[in-house]
């Protein structure tokens, strides 16, 4: 006797596999959404400012200082962050200027000038090792020594949103709000992009061969 087209089904196995997938997804979801609050520079003195960024776990405070973060690599007013970040970094763009940076008409949303708290969102395809810099105003002349003026954080790759707030010490007469947000990063290496493209093309070819077969 010849048996053709026999198929074996294992309902218990299918249920087990589905359960494993559900557990993995349940564990991955909180990891993807996990955030942490990072203070920068880490201590508030009488008249100084402290910034808090709530971002995906892995973000860190790189530093803070007085003056402006202009986004300029050189010239009369070079950006101090480029010295901090090192070679390979570029200004991706600024929240208050759609003509500067590497992405034309790029804008950071949720970056209202003068605000002391907010949420910013962005999209920077083709860039990695992201760093965000915040610059705040000096305010009235009586607060000319209110520091720091800028704060910088590194962000985990894939970050597209974070919440922020700025707090002035008890001795400050005011807390001048946001001036602008700069986004920095390094370009994704071309070989990696070609490798991804090659992998995608190979996958398409394999799928076509399977269909033809």
C-alpha atoms as a PDB file:
ATOM      1  CA  UNK A   1       0.000   0.000   0.000  1.00  0.00           C
ATOM      2  CA  UNK A   2       1.380   3.406  -0.978  1.00  0.00           C
ATOM      3  CA  UNK A   3       0.588   6.488   1.069  1.00  0.00           C
ATOM      4  CA  UNK A   4       0.945   9.815  -0.683  1.00  0.00           C
ATOM      5  CA  UNK A   5       0.972  13.401   0.520  1.00  0.00           C
ATOM      6  CA  UNK A   6       0.975  12.404   4.161  1.00  0.00           C
ATOM      7  CA  UNK A   7       1.388  15.330   6.526  1.00  0.00           C
ATOM      8  CA  UNK A   8       1.993  15.129  10.237  1.00  0.00           C
ATOM      9  CA  UNK A   9       0.549  17.756  12.544  1.00  0.00           C
ATOM     10  CA  UNK A  10       1.609  18.337  16.108  1.00  0.00           C
ATOM     11  CA  UNK A  11      -0.885  20.678  17.792  1.00  0.00           C
ATOM     12  CA  UNK A  12       0.923  20.471  21.105  1.00  0.00           C
ATOM     13  CA  UNK A  13       4.175  21.507  19.452  1.00  0.00           C
ATOM     14  CA  UNK A  14       2.502  24.443  17.721  1.00  0.00           C
ATOM     15  CA  UNK A  15       1.013  25.641  20.992  1.00  0.00           C
ATOM     16  CA  UNK A  16       4.419  25.321  22.689  1.00  0.00           C
ATOM     17  CA  UNK A  17       6.136  27.324  19.936  1.00  0.00           C
ATOM     18  CA  UNK A  18       3.458  30.005  20.097  1.00  0.00           C
ATOM     19  CA  UNK A  19       3.946  30.215  23.843  1.00  0.00           C
ATOM     20  CA  UNK A  20       7.702  30.677  23.465  1.00  0.00           C
ATOM     21  CA  UNK A  21       7.176  33.480  20.931  1.00  0.00           C
ATOM     22  CA  UNK A  22       4.689  35.216  23.251  1.00  0.00           C
ATOM     23  CA  UNK A  23       7.113  35.062  26.171  1.00  0.00           C
ATOM     24  CA  UNK A  24       9.971  36.480  24.062  1.00  0.00           C
ATOM     25  CA  UNK A  25       7.794  39.348  22.827  1.00  0.00           C
ATOM     26  CA  UNK A  26       6.584  40.076  26.353  1.00  0.00           C
ATOM     27  CA  UNK A  27      10.151  40.264  27.619  1.00  0.00           C
ATOM     28  CA  UNK A  28      11.344  42.372  24.683  1.00  0.00           C
ATOM     29  CA  UNK A  29       8.568  44.962  24.933  1.00  0.00           C
ATOM     30  CA  UNK A  30       9.595  46.482  28.282  1.00  0.00           C
ATOM     31  CA  UNK A  31      13.229  46.439  27.241  1.00  0.00           C
ATOM     32  CA  UNK A  32      12.417  48.456  24.130  1.00  0.00           C
ATOM     33  CA  UNK A  33      10.413  50.972  26.181  1.00  0.00           C
ATOM     34  CA  UNK A  34      12.745  51.192  29.185  1.00  0.00           C
ATOM     35  CA  UNK A  35      13.848  54.742  29.910  1.00  0.00           C
ATOM     36  CA  UNK A  36      16.032  56.350  32.523  1.00  0.00           C
ATOM     37  CA  UNK A  37      16.410  59.890  33.900  1.00  0.00           C
ATOM     38  CA  UNK A  38      19.952  61.271  33.674  1.00  0.00           C
ATOM     39  CA  UNK A  39      20.966  64.450  35.488  1.00  0.00           C
ATOM     40  CA  UNK A  40      23.641  66.686  34.005  1.00  0.00           C
ATOM     41  CA  UNK A  41      26.111  67.801  35.323  1.00  0.00           C
ATOM     42  CA  UNK A  42      24.888  65.817  38.329  1.00  0.00           C
ATOM     43  CA  UNK A  43      24.700  68.331  41.174  1.00  0.00           C
ATOM     44  CA  UNK A  44      22.862  71.611  41.678  1.00  0.00           C
ATOM     45  CA  UNK A  45      24.680  74.419  43.467  1.00  0.00           C
ATOM     46  CA  UNK A  46      23.066  77.630  44.679  1.00  0.00           C
ATOM     47  CA  UNK A  47      22.905  79.557  41.407  1.00  0.00           C
ATOM     48  CA  UNK A  48      23.626  76.871  38.827  1.00  0.00           C
ATOM     49  CA  UNK A  49      21.383  74.914  36.500  1.00  0.00           C
ATOM     50  CA  UNK A  50      20.804  71.185  36.341  1.00  0.00           C
ATOM     51  CA  UNK A  51      19.301  69.379  33.365  1.00  0.00           C
ATOM     52  CA  UNK A  52      17.413  66.104  33.333  1.00  0.00           C
ATOM     53  CA  UNK A  53      16.948  63.976  30.228  1.00  0.00           C
ATOM     54  CA  UNK A  54      14.580  61.013  30.270  1.00  0.00           C
ATOM     55  CA  UNK A  55      15.671  58.782  27.409  1.00  0.00           C
ATOM     56  CA  UNK A  56      16.178  55.110  26.533  1.00  0.00           C
ATOM     57  CA  UNK A  57      18.512  53.269  28.886  1.00  0.00           C
ATOM     58  CA  UNK A  58      22.103  53.774  27.803  1.00  0.00           C
ATOM     59  CA  UNK A  59      21.969  57.551  27.400  1.00  0.00           C
ATOM     60  CA  UNK A  60      24.681  59.337  29.378  1.00  0.00           C
ATOM     61  CA  UNK A  61      25.673  62.919  30.224  1.00  0.00           C
ATOM     62  CA  UNK A  62      28.794  63.778  28.215  1.00  0.00           C
ATOM     63  CA  UNK A  63      29.359  67.191  29.709  1.00  0.00           C
ATOM     64  CA  UNK A  64      28.166  70.759  30.160  1.00  0.00           C
ATOM     65  CA  UNK A  65      29.674  74.215  30.007  1.00  0.00           C
ATOM     66  CA  UNK A  66      29.282  77.949  29.499  1.00  0.00           C
ATOM     67  CA  UNK A  67      28.903  79.718  26.170  1.00  0.00           C
ATOM     68  CA  UNK A  68      27.110  78.687  23.023  1.00  0.00           C
ATOM     69  CA  UNK A  69      26.983  75.467  20.983  1.00  0.00           C
ATOM     70  CA  UNK A  70      26.911  77.027  17.546  1.00  0.00           C
ATOM     71  CA  UNK A  71      27.170  73.899  15.430  1.00  0.00           C
ATOM     72  CA  UNK A  72      30.191  75.411  13.647  1.00  0.00           C
ATOM     73  CA  UNK A  73      33.180  73.124  13.235  1.00  0.00           C
ATOM     74  CA  UNK A  74      35.529  76.115  12.924  1.00  0.00           C
ATOM     75  CA  UNK A  75      35.483  79.875  12.439  1.00  0.00           C
ATOM     76  CA  UNK A  76      35.052  82.736  14.869  1.00  0.00           C
ATOM     77  CA  UNK A  77      32.684  80.796  17.123  1.00  0.00           C
ATOM     78  CA  UNK A  78      33.580  77.093  16.988  1.00  0.00           C
ATOM     79  CA  UNK A  79      31.278  74.656  18.749  1.00  0.00           C
ATOM     80  CA  UNK A  80      32.944  73.292  21.921  1.00  0.00           C
ATOM     81  CA  UNK A  81      31.163  69.979  21.463  1.00  0.00           C
ATOM     82  CA  UNK A  82      33.287  69.066  18.454  1.00  0.00           C
ATOM     83  CA  UNK A  83      36.382  69.122  20.663  1.00  0.00           C
ATOM     84  CA  UNK A  84      34.541  66.932  23.145  1.00  0.00           C
ATOM     85  CA  UNK A  85      33.242  64.456  20.575  1.00  0.00           C
ATOM     86  CA  UNK A  86      36.338  64.046  18.422  1.00  0.00           C
ATOM     87  CA  UNK A  87      36.840  63.215  14.752  1.00  0.00           C
ATOM     88  CA  UNK A  88      34.047  61.917  12.562  1.00  0.00           C
ATOM     89  CA  UNK A  89      31.190  63.845  14.142  1.00  0.00           C
ATOM     90  CA  UNK A  90      29.068  66.281  12.161  1.00  0.00           C
ATOM     91  CA  UNK A  91      26.199  68.576  12.997  1.00  0.00           C
ATOM     92  CA  UNK A  92      23.159  66.696  11.742  1.00  0.00           C
ATOM     93  CA  UNK A  93      20.977  69.724  12.329  1.00  0.00           C
ATOM     94  CA  UNK A  94      19.630  72.404  14.672  1.00  0.00           C
ATOM     95  CA  UNK A  95      16.130  72.892  16.005  1.00  0.00           C
ATOM     96  CA  UNK A  96      16.157  76.620  15.230  1.00  0.00           C
ATOM     97  CA  UNK A  97      17.746  76.581  11.768  1.00  0.00           C
ATOM     98  CA  UNK A  98      16.571  74.580   8.743  1.00  0.00           C
ATOM     99  CA  UNK A  99      19.555  75.591   6.603  1.00  0.00           C
ATOM    100  CA  UNK A 100      22.390  74.297   8.800  1.00  0.00           C
ATOM    101  CA  UNK A 101      23.527  70.726   9.151  1.00  0.00           C
ATOM    102  CA  UNK A 102      23.538  67.665   6.948  1.00  0.00           C
ATOM    103  CA  UNK A 103      19.785  67.114   6.498  1.00  0.00           C
ATOM    104  CA  UNK A 104      18.050  69.924   4.562  1.00  0.00           C
ATOM    105  CA  UNK A 105      14.874  71.202   6.212  1.00  0.00           C
ATOM    106  CA  UNK A 106      15.409  68.867   9.152  1.00  0.00           C
ATOM    107  CA  UNK A 107      13.607  70.038  12.272  1.00  0.00           C
ATOM    108  CA  UNK A 108      13.400  68.797  15.841  1.00  0.00           C
ATOM    109  CA  UNK A 109       9.835  68.878  17.080  1.00  0.00           C
ATOM    110  CA  UNK A 110       8.862  69.724  20.639  1.00  0.00           C
ATOM    111  CA  UNK A 111      11.746  72.183  21.028  1.00  0.00           C
ATOM    112  CA  UNK A 112       9.916  75.394  21.854  1.00  0.00           C
ATOM    113  CA  UNK A 113      12.207  78.356  22.428  1.00  0.00           C
ATOM    114  CA  UNK A 114      11.982  79.659  25.982  1.00  0.00           C
ATOM    115  CA  UNK A 115      10.605  76.414  27.403  1.00  0.00           C
ATOM    116  CA  UNK A 116      12.028  74.873  30.566  1.00  0.00           C
ATOM    117  CA  UNK A 117      10.579  71.417  29.945  1.00  0.00           C
ATOM    118  CA  UNK A 118       9.429  69.481  26.918  1.00  0.00           C
ATOM    119  CA  UNK A 119       9.684  66.489  24.615  1.00  0.00           C
ATOM    120  CA  UNK A 120      11.749  66.406  21.469  1.00  0.00           C
ATOM    121  CA  UNK A 121      11.453  63.956  18.596  1.00  0.00           C
ATOM    122  CA  UNK A 122      13.706  63.534  15.587  1.00  0.00           C
ATOM    123  CA  UNK A 123      14.645  61.198  12.774  1.00  0.00           C
ATOM    124  CA  UNK A 124      18.218  60.940  11.502  1.00  0.00           C
ATOM    125  CA  UNK A 125      18.500  58.102   8.972  1.00  0.00           C
ATOM    126  CA  UNK A 126      22.061  57.257   7.965  1.00  0.00           C
ATOM    127  CA  UNK A 127      23.598  58.444  11.250  1.00  0.00           C
ATOM    128  CA  UNK A 128      24.721  56.668  14.394  1.00  0.00           C
ATOM    129  CA  UNK A 129      26.457  57.507  17.712  1.00  0.00           C
ATOM    130  CA  UNK A 130      23.919  60.262  18.229  1.00  0.00           C
ATOM    131  CA  UNK A 131      24.623  63.146  20.603  1.00  0.00           C
ATOM    132  CA  UNK A 132      22.108  65.821  21.529  1.00  0.00           C
ATOM    133  CA  UNK A 133      23.146  69.237  22.792  1.00  0.00           C
ATOM    134  CA  UNK A 134      20.848  71.712  24.570  1.00  0.00           C
ATOM    135  CA  UNK A 135      21.577  75.421  24.845  1.00  0.00           C
ATOM    136  CA  UNK A 136      19.723  77.718  27.254  1.00  0.00           C
ATOM    137  CA  UNK A 137      19.587  81.504  27.490  1.00  0.00           C
ATOM    138  CA  UNK A 138      21.333  83.643  30.073  1.00  0.00           C
ATOM    139  CA  UNK A 139      18.309  85.749  30.964  1.00  0.00           C
ATOM    140  CA  UNK A 140      18.578  89.069  32.770  1.00  0.00           C
ATOM    141  CA  UNK A 141      22.006  90.645  33.394  1.00  0.00           C
ATOM    142  CA  UNK A 142      21.721  89.597  37.049  1.00  0.00           C
ATOM    143  CA  UNK A 143      21.896  86.013  35.850  1.00  0.00           C
ATOM    144  CA  UNK A 144      24.907  86.440  33.595  1.00  0.00           C
ATOM    145  CA  UNK A 145      26.752  83.869  35.700  1.00  0.00           C
ATOM    146  CA  UNK A 146      23.911  81.318  35.604  1.00  0.00           C
ATOM    147  CA  UNK A 147      25.615  78.156  34.355  1.00  0.00           C
ATOM    148  CA  UNK A 148      25.899  75.786  32.650  1.00  0.00           C
ATOM    149  CA  UNK A 149      24.589  77.204  29.396  1.00  0.00           C
ATOM    150  CA  UNK A 150      24.777  73.960  27.436  1.00  0.00           C
ATOM    151  CA  UNK A 151      24.415  70.268  28.168  1.00  0.00           C
ATOM    152  CA  UNK A 152      25.303  67.279  25.996  1.00  0.00           C
ATOM    153  CA  UNK A 153      24.041  63.698  26.104  1.00  0.00           C
ATOM    154  CA  UNK A 154      24.943  60.645  24.066  1.00  0.00           C
ATOM    155  CA  UNK A 155      21.940  58.606  22.936  1.00  0.00           C
ATOM    156  CA  UNK A 156      21.639  54.892  22.178  1.00  0.00           C
ATOM    157  CA  UNK A 157      21.365  54.162  18.467  1.00  0.00           C
ATOM    158  CA  UNK A 158      17.744  54.067  17.420  1.00  0.00           C
ATOM    159  CA  UNK A 159      16.595  56.792  19.822  1.00  0.00           C
ATOM    160  CA  UNK A 160      13.953  59.051  18.289  1.00  0.00           C
ATOM    161  CA  UNK A 161      12.396  60.724  21.323  1.00  0.00           C
ATOM    162  CA  UNK A 162      13.271  61.953  24.811  1.00  0.00           C
ATOM    163  CA  UNK A 163      11.855  64.197  27.516  1.00  0.00           C
ATOM    164  CA  UNK A 164      13.892  67.004  29.062  1.00  0.00           C
ATOM    165  CA  UNK A 165      13.708  69.621  31.799  1.00  0.00           C
ATOM    166  CA  UNK A 166      15.974  72.344  33.185  1.00  0.00           C
ATOM    167  CA  UNK A 167      16.098  73.420  36.816  1.00  0.00           C
ATOM    168  CA  UNK A 168      17.769  76.513  38.285  1.00  0.00           C
ATOM    169  CA  UNK A 169      19.230  76.544  41.767  1.00  0.00           C
ATOM    170  CA  UNK A 170      17.468  78.354  44.586  1.00  0.00           C
ATOM    171  CA  UNK A 171      19.794  81.352  44.303  1.00  0.00           C
ATOM    172  CA  UNK A 172      18.848  82.136  40.685  1.00  0.00           C
ATOM    173  CA  UNK A 173      16.394  84.990  40.106  1.00  0.00           C
ATOM    174  CA  UNK A 174      15.072  83.338  36.936  1.00  0.00           C
ATOM    175  CA  UNK A 175      15.542  80.231  34.808  1.00  0.00           C
ATOM    176  CA  UNK A 176      15.989  81.309  31.163  1.00  0.00           C
ATOM    177  CA  UNK A 177      14.548  78.687  28.867  1.00  0.00           C
ATOM    178  CA  UNK A 178      15.633  76.787  25.806  1.00  0.00           C
ATOM    179  CA  UNK A 179      17.501  78.500  23.004  1.00  0.00           C
ATOM    180  CA  UNK A 180      18.038  75.554  20.659  1.00  0.00           C
ATOM    181  CA  UNK A 181      18.789  71.844  20.378  1.00  0.00           C
ATOM    182  CA  UNK A 182      21.624  70.496  18.224  1.00  0.00           C
ATOM    183  CA  UNK A 183      21.847  66.924  16.994  1.00  0.00           C
ATOM    184  CA  UNK A 184      25.264  65.423  16.192  1.00  0.00           C
ATOM    185  CA  UNK A 185      26.363  62.025  14.953  1.00  0.00           C
ATOM    186  CA  UNK A 186      28.631  60.014  12.709  1.00  0.00           C
ATOM    187  CA  UNK A 187      27.646  58.693   9.301  1.00  0.00           C
ATOM    188  CA  UNK A 188      26.887  55.002   9.007  1.00  0.00           C
ATOM    189  CA  UNK A 189      29.875  53.528   7.118  1.00  0.00           C
ATOM    190  CA  UNK A 190      29.192  52.935   3.432  1.00  0.00           C
ATOM    191  CA  UNK A 191      30.390  49.290   3.511  1.00  0.00           C
ATOM    192  CA  UNK A 192      27.749  48.537   6.122  1.00  0.00           C
ATOM    193  CA  UNK A 193      25.089  50.106   3.926  1.00  0.00           C
ATOM    194  CA  UNK A 194      26.296  48.104   0.926  1.00  0.00           C
ATOM    195  CA  UNK A 195      26.319  44.941   3.011  1.00  0.00           C
ATOM    196  CA  UNK A 196      22.717  45.542   4.045  1.00  0.00           C
ATOM    197  CA  UNK A 197      21.744  46.235   0.445  1.00  0.00           C
ATOM    198  CA  UNK A 198      23.541  43.101  -0.721  1.00  0.00           C
ATOM    199  CA  UNK A 199      21.822  41.025   1.943  1.00  0.00           C
ATOM    200  CA  UNK A 200      18.446  42.408   0.916  1.00  0.00           C
ATOM    201  CA  UNK A 201      19.091  41.662  -2.760  1.00  0.00           C
ATOM    202  CA  UNK A 202      20.290  38.162  -1.904  1.00  0.00           C
ATOM    203  CA  UNK A 203      17.116  37.587   0.084  1.00  0.00           C
ATOM    204  CA  UNK A 204      14.968  38.757  -2.822  1.00  0.00           C
ATOM    205  CA  UNK A 205      16.875  36.453  -5.165  1.00  0.00           C
ATOM    206  CA  UNK A 206      16.450  33.479  -2.856  1.00  0.00           C
ATOM    207  CA  UNK A 207      12.722  34.168  -2.564  1.00  0.00           C
ATOM    208  CA  UNK A 208      12.382  34.393  -6.346  1.00  0.00           C
ATOM    209  CA  UNK A 209      14.230  31.098  -6.830  1.00  0.00           C
ATOM    210  CA  UNK A 210      11.948  29.449  -4.295  1.00  0.00           C
ATOM    211  CA  UNK A 211       8.866  30.707  -6.107  1.00  0.00           C
ATOM    212  CA  UNK A 212      10.249  29.581  -9.480  1.00  0.00           C
ATOM    213  CA  UNK A 213      10.946  26.126  -8.076  1.00  0.00           C
END
